[in-house]
Amino acid sequence: MATNSYKVNNTSSSGGSFFSWLQHKLSLAGVFDDGIPAKYIPKILFVTTLLVIYIGNNHYSEKTARRIEELESQVEELRADYTSLKADYMYGSKQSEVAKKVKKMGIEENEIPPYKIQVDKSEY
């Protein structure tokens, strides 16, 4: 019966990927021949955690910046609306404008100024 054997591919491609290059360099150094040593696992997990936090923080800051820009545009629109409504209110509350509006209801503007009624203290 024939025995199984590994087929060795000695051809090297000239435009290999970064990971094949890294694997080649690490295999030459003999660092990870038997796999990743257990002493490196906490450091790898710590760096991975920091990277996840960094990426999450970056996404959060981008989202916050977009929301701030959107809210600033809404504030500008509301400020313009407020200014125009305030101008309309100030114009409509002038005495001549109020007199025109209440004339339709049959109320006329008083031509004589009001006078003060004085009552003696003994009368009340």
Protein backbone atom coordinates (compact mmCIF):
# COMPACT_ATOMS: atom_id res chain seq x y z
CA MET A 1 0.00 0.00 0.00
CA ALA A 2 1.26 3.46 -0.87
CA THR A 3 1.86 6.05 1.81
CA ASN A 4 0.53 9.57 1.75
CA SER A 5 3.01 12.37 1.39
CA TYR A 6 2.81 16.15 1.26
CA LYS A 7 3.20 17.88 -2.05
CA VAL A 8 5.75 20.68 -1.79
CA ASN A 9 5.27 23.69 -4.05
CA ASN A 10 8.61 25.43 -4.54
CA THR A 11 7.38 28.03 -7.03
CA SER A 12 7.31 31.55 -5.66
CA SER A 13 5.10 34.24 -7.11
CA SER A 14 6.69 37.64 -7.65
CA GLY A 15 3.61 39.70 -6.65
CA GLY A 16 2.61 37.97 -3.41
CA SER A 17 0.31 39.50 -0.86
CA PHE A 18 1.37 41.20 2.35
CA PHE A 19 0.30 38.24 4.46
CA SER A 20 2.29 35.72 2.41
CA TRP A 21 5.33 37.99 2.74
CA LEU A 22 4.77 38.26 6.50
CA GLN A 23 4.35 34.51 6.84
CA HIS A 24 7.56 33.96 4.89
CA LYS A 25 9.51 36.40 7.10
CA LEU A 26 8.15 34.89 10.32
CA SER A 27 8.93 31.35 9.17
CA LEU A 28 12.51 32.40 8.43
CA ALA A 29 12.85 33.90 11.90
CA GLY A 30 11.44 30.75 13.49
CA VAL A 31 9.26 32.75 15.90
CA PHE A 32 5.90 31.09 15.29
CA ASP A 33 6.88 27.64 14.06
CA ASP A 34 4.73 25.88 16.67
CA GLY A 35 1.92 28.50 16.66
CA ILE A 36 1.43 31.60 18.74
CA PRO A 37 3.02 31.28 22.18
CA ALA A 38 0.61 31.66 25.10
CA LYS A 39 2.59 34.54 26.55
CA TYR A 40 1.56 36.76 23.60
CA ILE A 41 -2.20 36.14 23.88
CA PRO A 42 -2.94 38.77 26.62
CA LYS A 43 -1.01 41.40 24.69
CA ILE A 44 -2.80 40.54 21.45
CA LEU A 45 -6.19 40.69 23.21
CA PHE A 46 -5.30 44.04 24.81
CA VAL A 47 -4.24 45.56 21.48
CA THR A 48 -7.36 44.15 19.81
CA THR A 49 -9.55 45.67 22.53
CA LEU A 50 -7.86 49.04 22.09
CA LEU A 51 -8.39 48.87 18.33
CA VAL A 52 -12.08 48.07 18.74
CA ILE A 53 -12.50 50.97 21.18
CA TYR A 54 -10.61 53.30 18.83
CA ILE A 55 -12.73 52.33 15.82
CA GLY A 56 -15.95 52.66 17.84
CA ASN A 57 -14.91 56.07 19.13
CA ASN A 58 -14.10 57.20 15.59
CA HIS A 59 -17.54 56.11 14.33
CA TYR A 60 -19.23 57.81 17.29
CA SER A 61 -17.39 61.09 16.70
CA GLU A 62 -18.22 61.07 12.99
CA LYS A 63 -21.90 60.45 13.75
CA THR A 64 -21.89 63.21 16.35
CA ALA A 65 -20.26 65.66 13.93
CA ARG A 66 -22.90 64.91 11.27
CA ARG A 67 -25.67 65.37 13.84
CA ILE A 68 -24.20 68.70 15.00
CA GLU A 69 -24.10 69.99 11.41
CA GLU A 70 -27.72 68.93 10.89
CA LEU A 71 -28.85 70.61 14.11
CA GLU A 72 -26.96 73.80 13.25
CA SER A 73 -28.82 74.04 9.94
CA GLN A 74 -32.13 73.48 11.74
CA VAL A 75 -31.28 76.20 14.26
CA GLU A 76 -30.53 78.64 11.43
CA GLU A 77 -33.89 77.89 9.81
CA LEU A 78 -35.73 78.33 13.13
CA ARG A 79 -33.84 81.56 13.82
CA ALA A 80 -34.93 82.95 10.44
CA ASP A 81 -38.55 81.92 11.15
CA TYR A 82 -38.41 83.52 14.59
CA THR A 83 -37.05 86.79 13.20
CA SER A 84 -39.72 87.04 10.50
CA LEU A 85 -42.54 86.15 12.93
CA LYS A 86 -41.26 88.67 15.46
CA ALA A 87 -41.17 91.40 12.82
CA ASP A 88 -44.74 90.55 11.76
CA TYR A 89 -45.88 90.62 15.40
CA MET A 90 -44.19 93.96 16.08
CA TYR A 91 -45.79 95.45 12.95
CA GLY A 92 -49.22 94.02 13.82
CA SER A 93 -49.11 95.32 17.39
CA LYS A 94 -48.68 98.98 16.40
CA GLN A 95 -51.58 101.19 17.47
CA SER A 96 -52.56 102.08 13.91
CA GLU A 97 -52.62 98.39 12.83
CA VAL A 98 -54.67 97.38 15.88
CA ALA A 99 -57.12 100.21 15.15
CA LYS A 100 -57.57 98.92 11.57
CA LYS A 101 -58.23 95.37 12.80
CA VAL A 102 -60.79 96.30 15.48
CA LYS A 103 -62.63 98.75 13.20
CA LYS A 104 -64.15 95.68 11.49
CA MET A 105 -65.72 94.71 14.84
CA GLY A 106 -67.27 98.15 15.28
CA ILE A 107 -64.78 99.44 17.85
CA GLU A 108 -63.34 102.85 17.15
CA GLU A 109 -60.25 104.55 18.48
CA ASN A 110 -60.89 107.08 21.26
CA GLU A 111 -59.92 110.59 20.20
CA ILE A 112 -59.90 112.16 23.66
CA PRO A 113 -57.26 111.11 26.17
CA PRO A 114 -58.35 109.30 29.35
CA TYR A 115 -58.82 111.29 32.52
CA LYS A 116 -58.14 110.36 36.09
CA ILE A 117 -61.02 109.87 38.52
CA GLN A 118 -60.23 111.02 42.01
CA VAL A 119 -62.26 109.81 44.97
CA ASP A 120 -62.06 111.24 48.44
CA LYS A 121 -61.12 108.84 51.21
CA SER A 122 -64.40 109.54 53.00
CA GLU A 123 -66.48 108.27 50.06
CA TYR A 124 -65.41 104.62 50.23
